[in-house]
Amino acid sequence: MGSEQLLCLCARVPEDEVVAAVEAGATDLEEVRAATEANTGCGDCAADIEDILAEFGR
């Protein structure tokens, strides 16, 4: 996975940044949110973040 594409439009967080946070040890949505500021606006990206977490077995 991984892309320059924005995953979180509200906070302008690219998918690569979310993947990097998970690779660095984030294990749930709250930890990804704290590390990247993704999912701090409308919440529409939560499912995409959960999908990335699932790909890493988290």
PDB file of N, CA and C in Angstrom:
ATOM      1  N   MET A   1       0.856  -1.171   0.000  1.00  0.00           N
ATOM      2  CA  MET A   1       0.000   0.000   0.000  1.00  0.00           C
ATOM      3  C   MET A   1       0.899   1.231   0.000  1.00  0.00           C
ATOM      4  N   GLY A   2       0.403   2.386   0.259  1.00  0.00           N
ATOM      5  CA  GLY A   2       1.202   3.588   0.297  1.00  0.00           C
ATOM      6  C   GLY A   2       0.973   4.438  -0.937  1.00  0.00           C
ATOM      7  N   SER A   3       0.807   5.687  -0.723  1.00  0.00           N
ATOM      8  CA  SER A   3       0.479   6.578  -1.818  1.00  0.00           C
ATOM      9  C   SER A   3       0.622   8.017  -1.359  1.00  0.00           C
ATOM     10  N   GLU A   4       0.873   8.908  -2.311  1.00  0.00           N
ATOM     11  CA  GLU A   4       0.905  10.336  -2.012  1.00  0.00           C
ATOM     12  C   GLU A   4      -0.516  10.876  -1.866  1.00  0.00           C
ATOM     13  N   GLN A   5      -1.490  10.069  -2.204  1.00  0.00           N
ATOM     14  CA  GLN A   5      -2.893  10.472  -2.150  1.00  0.00           C
ATOM     15  C   GLN A   5      -3.298  10.835  -0.723  1.00  0.00           C
ATOM     16  N   LEU A   6      -4.076  11.900  -0.602  1.00  0.00           N
ATOM     17  CA  LEU A   6      -4.568  12.288   0.723  1.00  0.00           C
ATOM     18  C   LEU A   6      -5.573  11.265   1.214  1.00  0.00           C
ATOM     19  N   LEU A   7      -5.337  10.771   2.406  1.00  0.00           N
ATOM     20  CA  LEU A   7      -6.279   9.854   3.032  1.00  0.00           C
ATOM     21  C   LEU A   7      -7.276  10.646   3.870  1.00  0.00           C
ATOM     22  N   CYS A   8      -6.779  11.656   4.572  1.00  0.00           N
ATOM     23  CA  CYS A   8      -7.630  12.521   5.389  1.00  0.00           C
ATOM     24  C   CYS A   8      -7.661  13.905   4.754  1.00  0.00           C
ATOM     25  N   LEU A   9      -8.779  14.245   4.167  1.00  0.00           N
ATOM     26  CA  LEU A   9      -8.901  15.531   3.484  1.00  0.00           C
ATOM     27  C   LEU A   9      -8.955  16.690   4.465  1.00  0.00           C
ATOM     28  N   CYS A  10      -9.617  16.521   5.590  1.00  0.00           N
ATOM     29  CA  CYS A  10      -9.759  17.612   6.570  1.00  0.00           C
ATOM     30  C   CYS A  10      -8.409  18.088   7.091  1.00  0.00           C
ATOM     31  N   ALA A  11      -7.549  17.141   7.472  1.00  0.00           N
ATOM     32  CA  ALA A  11      -6.242  17.486   8.036  1.00  0.00           C
ATOM     33  C   ALA A  11      -5.135  17.426   6.989  1.00  0.00           C
ATOM     34  N   ARG A  12      -5.508  17.078   5.753  1.00  0.00           N
ATOM     35  CA  ARG A  12      -4.557  16.988   4.633  1.00  0.00           C
ATOM     36  C   ARG A  12      -3.413  16.017   4.950  1.00  0.00           C
ATOM     37  N   VAL A  13      -3.774  14.827   5.420  1.00  0.00           N
ATOM     38  CA  VAL A  13      -2.798  13.802   5.777  1.00  0.00           C
ATOM     39  C   VAL A  13      -2.746  12.770   4.651  1.00  0.00           C
ATOM     40  N   PRO A  14      -1.563  12.578   4.050  1.00  0.00           N
ATOM     41  CA  PRO A  14      -1.445  11.574   2.993  1.00  0.00           C
ATOM     42  C   PRO A  14      -1.459  10.152   3.554  1.00  0.00           C
ATOM     43  N   GLU A  15      -1.858   9.239   2.706  1.00  0.00           N
ATOM     44  CA  GLU A  15      -1.899   7.826   3.080  1.00  0.00           C
ATOM     45  C   GLU A  15      -0.537   7.357   3.578  1.00  0.00           C
ATOM     46  N   ASP A  16       0.543   7.798   2.925  1.00  0.00           N
ATOM     47  CA  ASP A  16       1.889   7.385   3.340  1.00  0.00           C
ATOM     48  C   ASP A  16       2.174   7.721   4.793  1.00  0.00           C
ATOM     49  N   GLU A  17       1.665   8.858   5.251  1.00  0.00           N
ATOM     50  CA  GLU A  17       1.898   9.265   6.636  1.00  0.00           C
ATOM     51  C   GLU A  17       1.174   8.341   7.615  1.00  0.00           C
ATOM     52  N   VAL A  18      -0.020   7.922   7.247  1.00  0.00           N
ATOM     53  CA  VAL A  18      -0.772   6.985   8.093  1.00  0.00           C
ATOM     54  C   VAL A  18      -0.061   5.634   8.123  1.00  0.00           C
ATOM     55  N   VAL A  19       0.377   5.161   6.958  1.00  0.00           N
ATOM     56  CA  VAL A  19       1.101   3.892   6.895  1.00  0.00           C
ATOM     57  C   VAL A  19       2.368   3.975   7.743  1.00  0.00           C
ATOM     58  N   ALA A  20       3.090   5.075   7.656  1.00  0.00           N
ATOM     59  CA  ALA A  20       4.315   5.237   8.445  1.00  0.00           C
ATOM     60  C   ALA A  20       4.020   5.194   9.937  1.00  0.00           C
ATOM     61  N   ALA A  21       2.911   5.794  10.358  1.00  0.00           N
ATOM     62  CA  ALA A  21       2.544   5.771  11.777  1.00  0.00           C
ATOM     63  C   ALA A  21       2.258   4.348  12.238  1.00  0.00           C
ATOM     64  N   VAL A  22       1.586   3.578  11.401  1.00  0.00           N
ATOM     65  CA  VAL A  22       1.283   2.188  11.751  1.00  0.00           C
ATOM     66  C   VAL A  22       2.577   1.372  11.776  1.00  0.00           C
ATOM     67  N   GLU A  23       3.438   1.591  10.792  1.00  0.00           N
ATOM     68  CA  GLU A  23       4.723   0.883  10.776  1.00  0.00           C
ATOM     69  C   GLU A  23       5.557   1.230  12.004  1.00  0.00           C
ATOM     70  N   ALA A  24       5.395   2.450  12.517  1.00  0.00           N
ATOM     71  CA  ALA A  24       6.150   2.894  13.693  1.00  0.00           C
ATOM     72  C   ALA A  24       5.545   2.404  15.004  1.00  0.00           C
ATOM     73  N   GLY A  25       4.388   1.736  14.919  1.00  0.00           N
ATOM     74  CA  GLY A  25       3.845   1.130  16.121  1.00  0.00           C
ATOM     75  C   GLY A  25       2.433   1.507  16.505  1.00  0.00           C
ATOM     76  N   ALA A  26       1.790   2.421  15.790  1.00  0.00           N
ATOM     77  CA  ALA A  26       0.397   2.753  16.111  1.00  0.00           C
ATOM     78  C   ALA A  26      -0.455   1.500  15.944  1.00  0.00           C
ATOM     79  N   THR A  27      -1.286   1.225  16.942  1.00  0.00           N
ATOM     80  CA  THR A  27      -2.052  -0.023  16.924  1.00  0.00           C
ATOM     81  C   THR A  27      -3.557   0.169  16.816  1.00  0.00           C
ATOM     82  N   ASP A  28      -4.011   1.429  16.891  1.00  0.00           N
ATOM     83  CA  ASP A  28      -5.452   1.658  16.765  1.00  0.00           C
ATOM     84  C   ASP A  28      -5.696   3.071  16.227  1.00  0.00           C
ATOM     85  N   LEU A  29      -6.951   3.374  15.994  1.00  0.00           N
ATOM     86  CA  LEU A  29      -7.339   4.650  15.413  1.00  0.00           C
ATOM     87  C   LEU A  29      -6.867   5.825  16.257  1.00  0.00           C
ATOM     88  N   GLU A  30      -6.979   5.703  17.564  1.00  0.00           N
ATOM     89  CA  GLU A  30      -6.576   6.794  18.447  1.00  0.00           C
ATOM     90  C   GLU A  30      -5.079   7.080  18.346  1.00  0.00           C
ATOM     91  N   GLU A  31      -4.268   6.037  18.259  1.00  0.00           N
ATOM     92  CA  GLU A  31      -2.823   6.226  18.139  1.00  0.00           C
ATOM     93  C   GLU A  31      -2.446   6.827  16.790  1.00  0.00           C
ATOM     94  N   VAL A  32      -3.137   6.406  15.724  1.00  0.00           N
ATOM     95  CA  VAL A  32      -2.900   7.006  14.405  1.00  0.00           C
ATOM     96  C   VAL A  32      -3.295   8.477  14.452  1.00  0.00           C
ATOM     97  N   ARG A  33      -4.418   8.770  15.060  1.00  0.00           N
ATOM     98  CA  ARG A  33      -4.891  10.154  15.186  1.00  0.00           C
ATOM     99  C   ARG A  33      -3.849  11.008  15.921  1.00  0.00           C
ATOM    100  N   ALA A  34      -3.306  10.505  17.017  1.00  0.00           N
ATOM    101  CA  ALA A  34      -2.318  11.248  17.793  1.00  0.00           C
ATOM    102  C   ALA A  34      -1.027  11.464  17.005  1.00  0.00           C
ATOM    103  N   ALA A  35      -0.641  10.491  16.213  1.00  0.00           N
ATOM    104  CA  ALA A  35       0.619  10.570  15.476  1.00  0.00           C
ATOM    105  C   ALA A  35       0.521  11.424  14.217  1.00  0.00           C
ATOM    106  N   THR A  36      -0.680  11.517  13.616  1.00  0.00           N
ATOM    107  CA  THR A  36      -0.782  12.140  12.296  1.00  0.00           C
ATOM    108  C   THR A  36      -1.785  13.281  12.196  1.00  0.00           C
ATOM    109  N   GLU A  37      -2.684  13.399  13.150  1.00  0.00           N
ATOM    110  CA  GLU A  37      -3.816  14.324  13.111  1.00  0.00           C
ATOM    111  C   GLU A  37      -4.896  13.895  12.119  1.00  0.00           C
ATOM    112  N   ALA A  38      -4.729  12.746  11.483  1.00  0.00           N
ATOM    113  CA  ALA A  38      -5.785  12.199  10.618  1.00  0.00           C
ATOM    114  C   ALA A  38      -6.983  11.852  11.491  1.00  0.00           C
ATOM    115  N   ASN A  39      -8.170  11.981  10.966  1.00  0.00           N
ATOM    116  CA  ASN A  39      -9.413  11.633  11.634  1.00  0.00           C
ATOM    117  C   ASN A  39      -9.731  12.581  12.782  1.00  0.00           C
ATOM    118  N   THR A  40      -9.289  13.823  12.666  1.00  0.00           N
ATOM    119  CA  THR A  40      -9.602  14.813  13.695  1.00  0.00           C
ATOM    120  C   THR A  40     -10.658  15.801  13.216  1.00  0.00           C
ATOM    121  N   GLY A  41     -11.156  15.594  11.998  1.00  0.00           N
ATOM    122  CA  GLY A  41     -12.176  16.483  11.447  1.00  0.00           C
ATOM    123  C   GLY A  41     -13.500  15.760  11.340  1.00  0.00           C
ATOM    124  N   CYS A  42     -13.908  15.506  10.115  1.00  0.00           N
ATOM    125  CA  CYS A  42     -15.239  14.949   9.867  1.00  0.00           C
ATOM    126  C   CYS A  42     -15.355  13.468  10.212  1.00  0.00           C
ATOM    127  N   GLY A  43     -14.246  12.728  10.205  1.00  0.00           N
ATOM    128  CA  GLY A  43     -14.283  11.308  10.534  1.00  0.00           C
ATOM    129  C   GLY A  43     -14.490  10.382   9.360  1.00  0.00           C
ATOM    130  N   ASP A  44     -14.617  10.923   8.156  1.00  0.00           N
ATOM    131  CA  ASP A  44     -14.863  10.072   6.987  1.00  0.00           C
ATOM    132  C   ASP A  44     -13.719   9.106   6.685  1.00  0.00           C
ATOM    133  N   CYS A  45     -12.519   9.399   7.145  1.00  0.00           N
ATOM    134  CA  CYS A  45     -11.369   8.551   6.834  1.00  0.00           C
ATOM    135  C   CYS A  45     -11.186   7.402   7.828  1.00  0.00           C
ATOM    136  N   ALA A  46     -12.007   7.317   8.845  1.00  0.00           N
ATOM    137  CA  ALA A  46     -11.838   6.286   9.881  1.00  0.00           C
ATOM    138  C   ALA A  46     -11.805   4.883   9.293  1.00  0.00           C
ATOM    139  N   ALA A  47     -12.703   4.582   8.368  1.00  0.00           N
ATOM    140  CA  ALA A  47     -12.743   3.236   7.775  1.00  0.00           C
ATOM    141  C   ALA A  47     -11.468   2.944   6.998  1.00  0.00           C
ATOM    142  N   ASP A  48     -10.934   3.942   6.295  1.00  0.00           N
ATOM    143  CA  ASP A  48      -9.694   3.744   5.551  1.00  0.00           C
ATOM    144  C   ASP A  48      -8.527   3.493   6.495  1.00  0.00           C
ATOM    145  N   ILE A  49      -8.493   4.210   7.608  1.00  0.00           N
ATOM    146  CA  ILE A  49      -7.433   3.998   8.595  1.00  0.00           C
ATOM    147  C   ILE A  49      -7.568   2.611   9.213  1.00  0.00           C
ATOM    148  N   GLU A  50      -8.780   2.207   9.524  1.00  0.00           N
ATOM    149  CA  GLU A  50      -9.012   0.861  10.071  1.00  0.00           C
ATOM    150  C   GLU A  50      -8.564  -0.208   9.080  1.00  0.00           C
ATOM    151  N   ASP A  51      -8.773   0.025   7.778  1.00  0.00           N
ATOM    152  CA  ASP A  51      -8.323  -0.924   6.755  1.00  0.00           C
ATOM    153  C   ASP A  51      -6.800  -1.058   6.768  1.00  0.00           C
ATOM    154  N   ILE A  52      -6.108   0.073   6.894  1.00  0.00           N
ATOM    155  CA  ILE A  52      -4.646   0.042   6.949  1.00  0.00           C
ATOM    156  C   ILE A  52      -4.193  -0.697   8.202  1.00  0.00           C
ATOM    157  N   LEU A  53      -4.805  -0.419   9.327  1.00  0.00           N
ATOM    158  CA  LEU A  53      -4.466  -1.132  10.555  1.00  0.00           C
ATOM    159  C   LEU A  53      -4.670  -2.630  10.381  1.00  0.00           C
ATOM    160  N   ALA A  54      -5.762  -3.020   9.747  1.00  0.00           N
ATOM    161  CA  ALA A  54      -6.043  -4.448   9.531  1.00  0.00           C
ATOM    162  C   ALA A  54      -4.988  -5.102   8.627  1.00  0.00           C
ATOM    163  N   GLU A  55      -4.515  -4.358   7.635  1.00  0.00           N
ATOM    164  CA  GLU A  55      -3.471  -4.898   6.746  1.00  0.00           C
ATOM    165  C   GLU A  55      -2.203  -5.218   7.520  1.00  0.00           C
ATOM    166  N   PHE A  56      -1.967  -4.502   8.601  1.00  0.00           N
ATOM    167  CA  PHE A  56      -0.791  -4.732   9.435  1.00  0.00           C
ATOM    168  C   PHE A  56      -1.121  -5.636  10.625  1.00  0.00           C
ATOM    169  N   GLY A  57      -2.306  -6.195  10.651  1.00  0.00           N
ATOM    170  CA  GLY A  57      -2.684  -7.104  11.725  1.00  0.00           C
ATOM    171  C   GLY A  57      -2.917  -6.413  13.045  1.00  0.00           C
ATOM    172  N   ARG A  58      -3.356  -5.176  12.983  1.00  0.00           N
ATOM    173  CA  ARG A  58      -3.564  -4.406  14.219  1.00  0.00           C
ATOM    174  C   ARG A  58      -5.030  -4.208  14.479  1.00  0.00           C
TER     175      ARG A  58
END
